[in-house]
């Protein structure tokens, strides 16, 4: 931090430029001056003194101003006031190392001043900061988990709970956002400012309700989550889900329910429920079965097994993508879903996609029957997992979970090629989820994960 404050006036255009360079180029979560403010300017000054380092003029000015940035993040300390004279006049640092600074009252090269030695942080094009939108314009509706705001002709549901864990408050706002978007005729985007879109469902709540035998309440919660996904699909306005970072479990189910996904390149997406002794029951299993069926070109039903096997494996192995491109390879993202290289532009890109869909005559997809593999697919899962169990690659309970998933995705005990409605698969999802949640081994997995943060294999 001392080095950054000492050399930046002679080498950089602004405080924000330095922070952005370190974040974009080296992957820092915060640049040096953002870190400095987070630690506290007085605390860092004391640490510099302990180390015997002279406080650079830039750092001293930041301490007097209360930080390198104003609290709202829109203003930054004017770096030009501390630029060495030779660098200021010749466009570079002095060859002699002259560290003389310009007088504090010298005119800034960065634009108008706030009066306390700060200048505006130049806005980045196509960057939407939802927290700032909420602070400046207020929210149309909200609770502790999410807030609904209007941005550039679209409604955006800003997820801002801890780890964006999906609970009843999140589900409530998802439903409210969909209804409001339809009433106002505006496209809907679901996204977040956080580094991770969602760590999944509230496992602690599920475990607590199960151990209290609150099965009717659990059934109601799962139904409400399923209804949210159905509402996305049937809404008369497009719904685009903007994802980044970790998109796990229920977060992945929320993503695949949208008309489109706009993903940051650094997206780690996966259905991880089997590691918890459960299956995706918020519509994820049904959606992956639907996608497998839709890969059958022209409805010829030539051989749907390869598409089913790929969708089944993506869930059964609890794979998490290493990137958005890898999520597309796994079938978690579709070819038409977008990828943004800059995570800060995911929300703006999602808004553009949502508006484009709305402006080109959007209609919700038809709720067509889903062709399933039935007994053939279940038998294939039983055979595959039997061999894996014999080879020691999975446990007996892993096998039970995988076969339970196959029964859901294959539509139950029906002939191959049977067409079933989405409601049929959703019922199977919910019933299987609740049955597994009642198993001691599933509860052991959840307890172990909540205690250690690592999956338990039993």
Protein backbone atom coordinates (compact mmCIF):
# COMPACT_ATOMS: atom_id res chain seq x y z
CA UNK A 1 0.00 0.00 0.00
CA UNK A 2 2.85 2.39 0.82
CA UNK A 3 4.46 1.68 -2.55
CA UNK A 4 1.20 2.34 -4.41
CA UNK A 5 0.73 5.68 -2.66
CA UNK A 6 4.37 6.65 -3.21
CA UNK A 7 4.65 5.92 -6.93
CA UNK A 8 1.09 6.40 -8.28
CA UNK A 9 1.23 10.19 -8.58
CA UNK A 10 4.11 9.91 -11.05
CA UNK A 11 2.89 6.86 -12.97
CA UNK A 12 -0.92 6.73 -13.04
CA UNK A 13 -3.78 8.84 -14.24
CA UNK A 14 -5.99 8.47 -11.19
CA UNK A 15 -6.59 6.55 -7.99
CA UNK A 16 -9.39 4.59 -9.68
CA UNK A 17 -7.09 3.69 -12.60
CA UNK A 18 -4.66 2.00 -10.20
CA UNK A 19 -7.40 0.05 -8.44
CA UNK A 20 -8.99 -1.04 -11.71
CA UNK A 21 -5.67 -2.16 -13.13
CA UNK A 22 -4.99 -4.37 -10.12
CA UNK A 23 -8.49 -5.82 -10.14
CA UNK A 24 -8.73 -6.42 -13.88
CA UNK A 25 -5.13 -7.37 -14.54
CA UNK A 26 -4.21 -9.37 -11.44
CA UNK A 27 -7.60 -10.48 -10.18
CA UNK A 28 -7.51 -8.61 -6.87
CA UNK A 29 -10.89 -8.30 -5.16
CA UNK A 30 -9.94 -4.72 -4.23
CA UNK A 31 -7.24 -2.45 -5.57
CA UNK A 32 -4.63 -0.97 -3.18
CA UNK A 33 -6.53 2.25 -2.48
CA UNK A 34 -9.84 0.44 -2.08
CA UNK A 35 -8.05 -1.89 0.34
CA UNK A 36 -6.59 1.12 2.16
CA UNK A 37 -10.05 2.61 2.68
CA UNK A 38 -11.44 -0.75 3.80
CA UNK A 39 -8.70 -1.10 6.43
CA UNK A 40 -9.16 2.52 7.53
CA UNK A 41 -6.84 5.40 6.75
CA UNK A 42 -5.98 6.06 10.40
CA UNK A 43 -5.17 2.40 11.02
CA UNK A 44 -2.90 2.21 7.98
CA UNK A 45 -1.16 5.44 9.03
CA UNK A 46 -0.38 3.83 12.40
CA UNK A 47 0.92 0.68 10.68
CA UNK A 48 3.17 2.73 8.40
CA UNK A 49 4.59 4.49 11.46
CA UNK A 50 5.22 1.14 13.16
CA UNK A 51 7.17 0.01 10.09
CA UNK A 52 9.19 3.20 10.02
CA UNK A 53 7.78 4.26 6.66
CA UNK A 54 7.21 7.92 5.94
CA UNK A 55 3.60 8.64 5.04
CA UNK A 56 3.44 9.71 1.35
CA UNK A 57 1.74 13.07 0.66
CA UNK A 58 -1.10 11.28 -1.18
CA UNK A 59 -1.77 9.06 1.85
CA UNK A 60 -1.63 12.02 4.22
CA UNK A 61 -4.22 13.86 2.12
CA UNK A 62 -6.43 10.76 2.09
CA UNK A 63 -6.27 10.57 5.88
CA UNK A 64 -7.23 14.23 6.18
CA UNK A 65 -10.10 13.74 3.71
CA UNK A 66 -11.31 10.53 5.38
CA UNK A 67 -10.36 8.20 2.57
CA UNK A 68 -9.19 7.91 -1.02
CA UNK A 69 -12.85 7.65 -2.06
CA UNK A 70 -15.97 9.40 -0.84
CA UNK A 71 -18.42 7.09 0.99
CA UNK A 72 -20.69 6.87 -2.06
CA UNK A 73 -17.77 5.78 -4.27
CA UNK A 74 -18.51 8.47 -6.85
CA UNK A 75 -15.58 10.73 -5.93
CA UNK A 76 -11.86 9.99 -5.66
CA UNK A 77 -8.86 11.89 -4.32
CA UNK A 78 -7.39 14.07 -7.06
CA UNK A 79 -4.10 12.38 -7.96
CA UNK A 80 -3.01 15.29 -10.16
CA UNK A 81 -2.46 17.48 -7.08
CA UNK A 82 0.43 15.23 -6.02
CA UNK A 83 2.02 14.58 -9.39
CA UNK A 84 5.76 15.35 -9.55
CA UNK A 85 6.37 18.58 -11.41
CA UNK A 86 8.51 16.93 -14.10
CA UNK A 87 5.92 14.22 -14.69
CA UNK A 88 3.13 16.78 -14.84
CA UNK A 89 4.88 18.91 -17.45
CA UNK A 90 6.57 16.20 -19.51
CA UNK A 91 3.99 13.43 -19.27
CA UNK A 92 6.12 11.06 -17.18
CA UNK A 93 8.08 10.66 -13.97
CA UNK A 94 11.13 12.76 -13.42
CA UNK A 95 14.37 11.15 -14.51
CA UNK A 96 16.05 12.67 -11.50
CA UNK A 97 13.50 11.21 -9.15
CA UNK A 98 12.37 14.69 -8.09
CA UNK A 99 9.37 14.12 -5.83
CA UNK A 100 8.30 17.75 -5.56
CA UNK A 101 4.53 17.96 -5.78
CA UNK A 102 2.33 20.61 -7.26
CA UNK A 103 0.77 23.05 -4.83
CA UNK A 104 -2.50 21.77 -3.32
CA UNK A 105 -4.41 24.52 -5.03
CA UNK A 106 -3.10 23.67 -8.49
CA UNK A 107 -5.78 23.00 -11.12
CA UNK A 108 -6.79 19.36 -11.52
CA UNK A 109 -6.44 17.50 -14.80
CA UNK A 110 -9.28 15.16 -13.85
CA UNK A 111 -12.25 17.52 -14.04
CA UNK A 112 -14.30 19.47 -11.53
CA UNK A 113 -13.45 19.22 -7.85
CA UNK A 114 -15.82 18.43 -4.95
CA UNK A 115 -14.19 21.14 -2.83
CA UNK A 116 -12.43 18.66 -0.53
CA UNK A 117 -9.69 17.64 -2.94
CA UNK A 118 -11.72 14.99 -4.74
CA UNK A 119 -12.75 14.66 -8.36
CA UNK A 120 -15.42 12.43 -9.91
CA UNK A 121 -14.67 8.79 -10.62
CA UNK A 122 -15.33 8.50 -14.38
CA UNK A 123 -18.34 6.25 -14.92
CA UNK A 124 -17.69 3.07 -16.85
CA UNK A 125 -19.99 2.52 -19.81
CA UNK A 126 -22.42 -0.41 -19.54
CA UNK A 127 -21.84 -0.92 -15.83
CA UNK A 128 -24.93 -1.04 -13.62
CA UNK A 129 -24.36 -1.03 -9.86
CA UNK A 130 -27.63 -2.15 -8.34
CA UNK A 131 -26.73 -1.03 -4.83
CA UNK A 132 -26.13 2.49 -6.08
CA UNK A 133 -29.39 2.43 -8.03
CA UNK A 134 -31.25 1.46 -4.84
CA UNK A 135 -29.50 4.19 -2.85
CA UNK A 136 -30.17 6.91 -5.42
CA UNK A 137 -33.64 6.02 -6.70
CA UNK A 138 -35.10 3.74 -4.06
CA UNK A 139 -36.68 0.34 -4.58
CA UNK A 140 -40.16 -0.43 -5.89
CA UNK A 141 -40.39 -3.28 -3.38
CA UNK A 142 -38.01 -5.29 -1.27
CA UNK A 143 -37.06 -7.21 1.85
CA UNK A 144 -33.82 -8.41 3.40
CA UNK A 145 -33.13 -10.84 0.57
CA UNK A 146 -33.88 -8.83 -2.58
CA UNK A 147 -35.10 -5.49 -3.92
CA UNK A 148 -36.89 -4.59 -7.13
CA UNK A 149 -35.61 -1.56 -9.05
CA UNK A 150 -36.17 -0.09 -12.50
CA UNK A 151 -33.14 0.39 -14.74
CA UNK A 152 -33.08 1.46 -18.40
CA UNK A 153 -36.56 0.29 -19.27
CA UNK A 154 -36.41 -3.01 -17.39
CA UNK A 155 -37.19 -4.21 -13.89
CA UNK A 156 -34.23 -5.75 -12.07
CA UNK A 157 -34.54 -7.93 -8.99
CA UNK A 158 -31.37 -7.29 -7.01
CA UNK A 159 -30.43 -10.25 -4.80
CA UNK A 160 -28.54 -8.94 -1.77
CA UNK A 161 -28.94 -11.47 1.04
CA UNK A 162 -26.05 -13.30 2.72
CA UNK A 163 -24.53 -15.54 0.03
CA UNK A 164 -27.91 -15.00 -1.71
CA UNK A 165 -29.14 -18.19 -0.05
CA UNK A 166 -32.63 -18.91 -1.33
CA UNK A 167 -35.25 -18.90 1.40
CA UNK A 168 -38.89 -17.90 1.72
CA UNK A 169 -38.04 -14.18 1.56
CA UNK A 170 -36.20 -14.69 -1.73
CA UNK A 171 -39.05 -16.77 -3.17
CA UNK A 172 -41.54 -14.09 -2.12
CA UNK A 173 -39.63 -11.38 -3.99
CA UNK A 174 -39.14 -13.57 -7.08
CA UNK A 175 -42.90 -14.01 -7.33
CA UNK A 176 -43.59 -10.35 -6.65
CA UNK A 177 -41.05 -9.25 -9.26
CA UNK A 178 -42.61 -11.47 -11.94
CA UNK A 179 -46.11 -10.18 -11.20
CA UNK A 180 -44.97 -6.54 -11.19
CA UNK A 181 -43.09 -6.95 -14.47
CA UNK A 182 -46.20 -8.36 -16.14
CA UNK A 183 -48.41 -5.60 -14.72
CA UNK A 184 -46.06 -2.90 -16.00
CA UNK A 185 -45.22 -4.64 -19.27
CA UNK A 186 -41.48 -4.45 -18.64
CA UNK A 187 -38.89 -7.23 -19.08
CA UNK A 188 -37.44 -8.70 -15.89
CA UNK A 189 -33.79 -9.31 -15.02
CA UNK A 190 -32.66 -11.20 -11.91
CA UNK A 191 -29.11 -10.45 -10.80
CA UNK A 192 -26.78 -9.30 -8.04
CA UNK A 193 -23.84 -7.02 -7.28
CA UNK A 194 -22.28 -9.78 -5.18
CA UNK A 195 -19.34 -11.83 -6.41
CA UNK A 196 -21.51 -14.97 -6.28
CA UNK A 197 -25.02 -15.25 -7.68
CA UNK A 198 -26.26 -17.80 -5.14
CA UNK A 199 -24.88 -20.52 -2.89
CA UNK A 200 -28.17 -22.42 -3.12
CA UNK A 201 -31.15 -23.13 -0.89
CA UNK A 202 -31.31 -22.66 2.86
CA UNK A 203 -30.12 -26.10 4.00
CA UNK A 204 -30.24 -25.19 7.69
CA UNK A 205 -33.93 -24.32 7.42
CA UNK A 206 -34.70 -27.52 5.49
CA UNK A 207 -32.91 -29.64 8.10
CA UNK A 208 -34.64 -27.89 10.99
CA UNK A 209 -38.10 -28.34 9.47
CA UNK A 210 -37.41 -31.99 8.66
CA UNK A 211 -36.21 -32.79 12.16
CA UNK A 212 -39.37 -31.15 13.53
CA UNK A 213 -41.47 -33.31 11.13
CA UNK A 214 -42.92 -30.20 9.48
CA UNK A 215 -43.61 -32.06 6.25
CA UNK A 216 -46.64 -30.03 5.22
CA UNK A 217 -44.61 -26.84 5.58
CA UNK A 218 -41.71 -28.33 3.60
CA UNK A 219 -44.10 -29.43 0.87
CA UNK A 220 -45.47 -25.88 0.73
CA UNK A 221 -41.97 -24.35 0.49
CA UNK A 222 -40.90 -26.66 -2.35
CA UNK A 223 -44.18 -26.04 -4.20
CA UNK A 224 -43.63 -22.28 -3.91
CA UNK A 225 -40.13 -22.57 -5.36
CA UNK A 226 -41.43 -24.70 -8.21
CA UNK A 227 -44.19 -22.16 -8.83
CA UNK A 228 -41.55 -19.44 -9.16
CA UNK A 229 -39.88 -21.29 -12.02
CA UNK A 230 -43.23 -21.95 -13.67
CA UNK A 231 -44.06 -18.25 -13.37
CA UNK A 232 -40.81 -17.32 -15.12
CA UNK A 233 -41.69 -19.63 -18.00
CA UNK A 234 -45.32 -18.52 -18.36
CA UNK A 235 -44.77 -14.77 -17.85
CA UNK A 236 -45.92 -12.52 -20.67
CA UNK A 237 -42.61 -10.64 -20.46
CA UNK A 238 -39.10 -12.06 -20.94
CA UNK A 239 -37.12 -13.07 -17.85
CA UNK A 240 -33.32 -12.99 -18.07
CA UNK A 241 -31.13 -14.26 -15.23
CA UNK A 242 -27.72 -12.57 -14.87
CA UNK A 243 -25.26 -14.88 -13.12
CA UNK A 244 -21.66 -14.69 -11.96
CA UNK A 245 -19.35 -16.52 -9.58
CA UNK A 246 -20.89 -19.47 -7.78
CA UNK A 247 -24.32 -20.54 -9.04
CA UNK A 248 -25.07 -23.65 -7.04
CA UNK A 249 -28.04 -25.88 -6.28
CA UNK A 250 -31.18 -23.77 -6.03
CA UNK A 251 -29.30 -20.88 -7.66
CA UNK A 252 -28.71 -23.04 -10.74
CA UNK A 253 -32.39 -24.03 -10.75
CA UNK A 254 -33.34 -20.36 -10.70
CA UNK A 255 -30.98 -19.67 -13.61
CA UNK A 256 -32.24 -22.45 -15.89
CA UNK A 257 -35.84 -21.32 -15.32
CA UNK A 258 -35.29 -18.05 -17.20
CA UNK A 259 -35.90 -17.39 -20.89
CA UNK A 260 -32.21 -16.52 -21.18
CA UNK A 261 -29.14 -16.55 -19.00
CA UNK A 262 -26.43 -13.89 -19.23
CA UNK A 263 -23.36 -15.33 -17.52
CA UNK A 264 -20.02 -13.86 -16.57
CA UNK A 265 -17.14 -15.78 -18.10
CA UNK A 266 -16.07 -16.69 -14.56
CA UNK A 267 -19.18 -18.63 -13.60
CA UNK A 268 -19.08 -21.82 -11.52
CA UNK A 269 -22.46 -23.43 -12.02
CA UNK A 270 -23.76 -26.80 -10.97
CA UNK A 271 -26.54 -28.86 -9.42
CA UNK A 272 -24.83 -30.00 -6.23
CA UNK A 273 -27.89 -31.41 -4.46
CA UNK A 274 -26.85 -35.07 -4.68
CA UNK A 275 -23.83 -34.24 -2.56
CA UNK A 276 -26.32 -33.18 0.12
CA UNK A 277 -28.36 -36.37 -0.30
CA UNK A 278 -31.11 -34.62 -2.26
CA UNK A 279 -32.13 -33.97 -5.87
CA UNK A 280 -32.95 -30.64 -7.57
CA UNK A 281 -36.62 -30.09 -6.72
CA UNK A 282 -37.19 -26.43 -7.59
CA UNK A 283 -37.78 -27.34 -11.23
CA UNK A 284 -34.17 -28.14 -12.11
CA UNK A 285 -34.65 -31.86 -12.72
CA UNK A 286 -37.72 -31.15 -14.83
CA UNK A 287 -35.98 -28.46 -16.89
CA UNK A 288 -32.99 -30.69 -17.62
CA UNK A 289 -35.36 -33.48 -18.71
CA UNK A 290 -37.17 -31.00 -20.95
CA UNK A 291 -33.91 -29.86 -22.53
CA UNK A 292 -32.87 -33.45 -23.19
CA UNK A 293 -36.21 -34.12 -24.90
CA UNK A 294 -35.94 -30.96 -27.00
CA UNK A 295 -32.61 -32.11 -28.42
CA UNK A 296 -34.56 -34.65 -30.44
CA UNK A 297 -34.60 -32.91 -33.86
CA UNK A 298 -38.01 -32.71 -35.47
CA UNK A 299 -39.63 -34.98 -32.90
CA UNK A 300 -38.33 -38.08 -34.64
CA UNK A 301 -37.43 -39.79 -31.33
CA UNK A 302 -34.58 -41.52 -33.14
CA UNK A 303 -32.60 -42.11 -29.94
CA UNK A 304 -33.06 -39.72 -27.06
CA UNK A 305 -30.78 -41.66 -24.73
CA UNK A 306 -27.52 -39.72 -25.39
CA UNK A 307 -29.21 -36.39 -24.60
CA UNK A 308 -30.82 -37.83 -21.47
CA UNK A 309 -27.53 -39.41 -20.35
CA UNK A 310 -25.73 -36.05 -20.63
CA UNK A 311 -28.42 -34.21 -18.65
CA UNK A 312 -28.60 -36.97 -16.04
CA UNK A 313 -24.82 -37.06 -15.61
CA UNK A 314 -24.61 -33.28 -15.12
CA UNK A 315 -26.84 -33.61 -12.04
CA UNK A 316 -25.92 -37.09 -10.78
CA UNK A 317 -22.20 -36.32 -10.59
CA UNK A 318 -22.80 -32.90 -8.95
CA UNK A 319 -20.40 -31.36 -11.46
CA UNK A 320 -19.63 -27.66 -11.11
CA UNK A 321 -18.50 -25.89 -14.27
CA UNK A 322 -15.04 -24.34 -14.36
CA UNK A 323 -16.35 -21.42 -16.43
CA UNK A 324 -19.41 -20.25 -18.34
CA UNK A 325 -18.07 -21.95 -21.45
CA UNK A 326 -17.76 -25.19 -19.50
CA UNK A 327 -21.34 -24.75 -18.23
CA UNK A 328 -22.44 -24.58 -21.85
CA UNK A 329 -20.53 -27.80 -22.57
CA UNK A 330 -22.28 -29.50 -19.65
CA UNK A 331 -25.68 -28.40 -20.94
CA UNK A 332 -26.30 -26.06 -18.00
CA UNK A 333 -26.22 -23.10 -20.40
CA UNK A 334 -27.85 -23.23 -23.84
CA UNK A 335 -26.26 -22.04 -27.10
CA UNK A 336 -28.48 -18.96 -27.05
CA UNK A 337 -27.43 -17.95 -23.52
CA UNK A 338 -24.88 -15.12 -23.47
CA UNK A 339 -21.46 -14.81 -21.87
CA UNK A 340 -19.94 -11.50 -20.72
CA UNK A 341 -16.18 -11.27 -20.34
CA UNK A 342 -16.47 -8.41 -17.83
CA UNK A 343 -18.44 -9.44 -14.70
CA UNK A 344 -19.29 -5.80 -14.02
CA UNK A 345 -21.23 -5.63 -17.28
CA UNK A 346 -23.37 -8.75 -16.80
CA UNK A 347 -26.39 -6.79 -15.50
CA UNK A 348 -26.25 -4.23 -18.33
CA UNK A 349 -25.83 -7.00 -20.92
CA UNK A 350 -28.78 -8.89 -19.42
CA UNK A 351 -30.94 -5.75 -19.62
CA UNK A 352 -30.00 -5.36 -23.28
CA UNK A 353 -30.97 -8.97 -23.98
CA UNK A 354 -34.26 -8.64 -22.07
CA UNK A 355 -35.22 -5.47 -23.90
CA UNK A 356 -34.32 -6.98 -27.26
CA UNK A 357 -36.59 -9.96 -26.54
CA UNK A 358 -39.41 -7.66 -25.45
CA UNK A 359 -39.05 -5.38 -28.48
CA UNK A 360 -39.12 -8.22 -31.00
CA UNK A 361 -42.53 -9.64 -30.14
CA UNK A 362 -41.75 -11.89 -27.19
CA UNK A 363 -44.17 -14.71 -26.43
CA UNK A 364 -43.74 -17.24 -23.62
CA UNK A 365 -42.73 -20.73 -24.75
CA UNK A 366 -45.50 -23.25 -25.30
CA UNK A 367 -45.98 -25.71 -22.46
CA UNK A 368 -45.54 -28.77 -24.62
CA UNK A 369 -45.55 -32.33 -23.24
CA UNK A 370 -42.12 -33.76 -22.44
CA UNK A 371 -41.09 -37.08 -23.99
CA UNK A 372 -39.36 -39.24 -21.38
CA UNK A 373 -37.32 -42.42 -21.43
CA UNK A 374 -39.39 -44.17 -18.79
CA UNK A 375 -38.31 -47.64 -17.73
CA UNK A 376 -35.45 -47.73 -20.25
CA UNK A 377 -33.69 -44.76 -18.68
CA UNK A 378 -34.22 -46.05 -15.14
CA UNK A 379 -32.78 -49.44 -16.08
CA UNK A 380 -29.75 -47.77 -17.67
CA UNK A 381 -29.12 -45.73 -14.48
CA UNK A 382 -29.44 -48.87 -12.35
CA UNK A 383 -26.98 -50.75 -14.55
CA UNK A 384 -24.44 -47.92 -14.68
CA UNK A 385 -24.50 -47.26 -10.95
CA UNK A 386 -24.30 -51.01 -10.17
CA UNK A 387 -21.00 -51.14 -12.04
CA UNK A 388 -19.78 -47.99 -10.29
CA UNK A 389 -20.73 -49.46 -6.91
CA UNK A 390 -18.94 -52.72 -7.71
CA UNK A 391 -15.83 -50.77 -8.68
CA UNK A 392 -15.89 -48.73 -5.48
CA UNK A 393 -16.49 -45.43 -7.27
CA UNK A 394 -19.77 -44.67 -5.46
CA UNK A 395 -21.38 -45.65 -2.18
CA UNK A 396 -24.62 -47.58 -1.91
CA UNK A 397 -26.38 -44.37 -0.92
CA UNK A 398 -24.87 -42.50 -3.88
CA UNK A 399 -26.41 -45.19 -6.06
CA UNK A 400 -29.80 -44.86 -4.39
CA UNK A 401 -29.74 -41.11 -4.96
CA UNK A 402 -28.77 -41.44 -8.62
CA UNK A 403 -31.50 -43.99 -9.33
CA UNK A 404 -34.03 -41.75 -7.54
CA UNK A 405 -33.00 -38.89 -9.83
CA UNK A 406 -33.32 -41.13 -12.89
CA UNK A 407 -36.88 -42.09 -11.90
CA UNK A 408 -37.81 -38.42 -11.79
CA UNK A 409 -36.13 -37.40 -15.05
CA UNK A 410 -37.49 -40.50 -16.85
CA UNK A 411 -41.07 -39.82 -15.78
CA UNK A 412 -41.44 -42.80 -13.46
CA UNK A 413 -42.66 -46.29 -14.35
CA UNK A 414 -43.85 -45.54 -17.90
CA UNK A 415 -42.88 -46.89 -21.36
CA UNK A 416 -40.12 -45.20 -23.36
CA UNK A 417 -41.46 -42.34 -25.47
CA UNK A 418 -44.35 -41.49 -23.15
CA UNK A 419 -45.30 -37.82 -23.20
CA UNK A 420 -45.89 -36.33 -19.75
CA UNK A 421 -46.75 -32.86 -18.57
CA UNK A 422 -44.33 -30.69 -16.62
CA UNK A 423 -46.63 -30.97 -13.59
CA UNK A 424 -46.10 -34.74 -13.56
CA UNK A 425 -42.31 -34.33 -13.36
CA UNK A 426 -42.59 -31.54 -10.79
CA UNK A 427 -44.71 -33.78 -8.58
CA UNK A 428 -42.10 -36.54 -8.86
CA UNK A 429 -39.37 -34.01 -8.00
CA UNK A 430 -41.13 -32.81 -4.90
CA UNK A 431 -42.14 -36.27 -3.66
CA UNK A 432 -38.62 -37.63 -4.15
CA UNK A 433 -37.02 -34.60 -2.50
CA UNK A 434 -39.20 -34.93 0.60
CA UNK A 435 -38.67 -38.69 0.78
CA UNK A 436 -34.90 -38.25 0.65
CA UNK A 437 -34.99 -35.45 3.21
CA UNK A 438 -36.58 -37.94 5.57
CA UNK A 439 -33.61 -40.30 5.26
CA UNK A 440 -31.05 -40.35 8.08
CA UNK A 441 -28.13 -40.46 5.65
CA UNK A 442 -29.34 -37.34 3.87
CA UNK A 443 -29.62 -35.48 7.16
CA UNK A 444 -26.12 -36.66 8.09
CA UNK A 445 -24.83 -35.20 4.82
CA UNK A 446 -26.52 -31.87 5.44
CA UNK A 447 -25.32 -31.67 9.04
CA UNK A 448 -21.79 -32.51 8.03
CA UNK A 449 -21.76 -29.90 5.29
CA UNK A 450 -23.18 -27.20 7.56
CA UNK A 451 -20.55 -28.03 10.16
CA UNK A 452 -17.45 -28.34 7.92
CA UNK A 453 -18.38 -26.80 4.58
CA UNK A 454 -17.36 -30.02 2.86
CA UNK A 455 -19.54 -32.75 1.31
CA UNK A 456 -20.00 -35.89 3.38
CA UNK A 457 -19.86 -39.24 1.58
CA UNK A 458 -21.78 -41.97 3.33
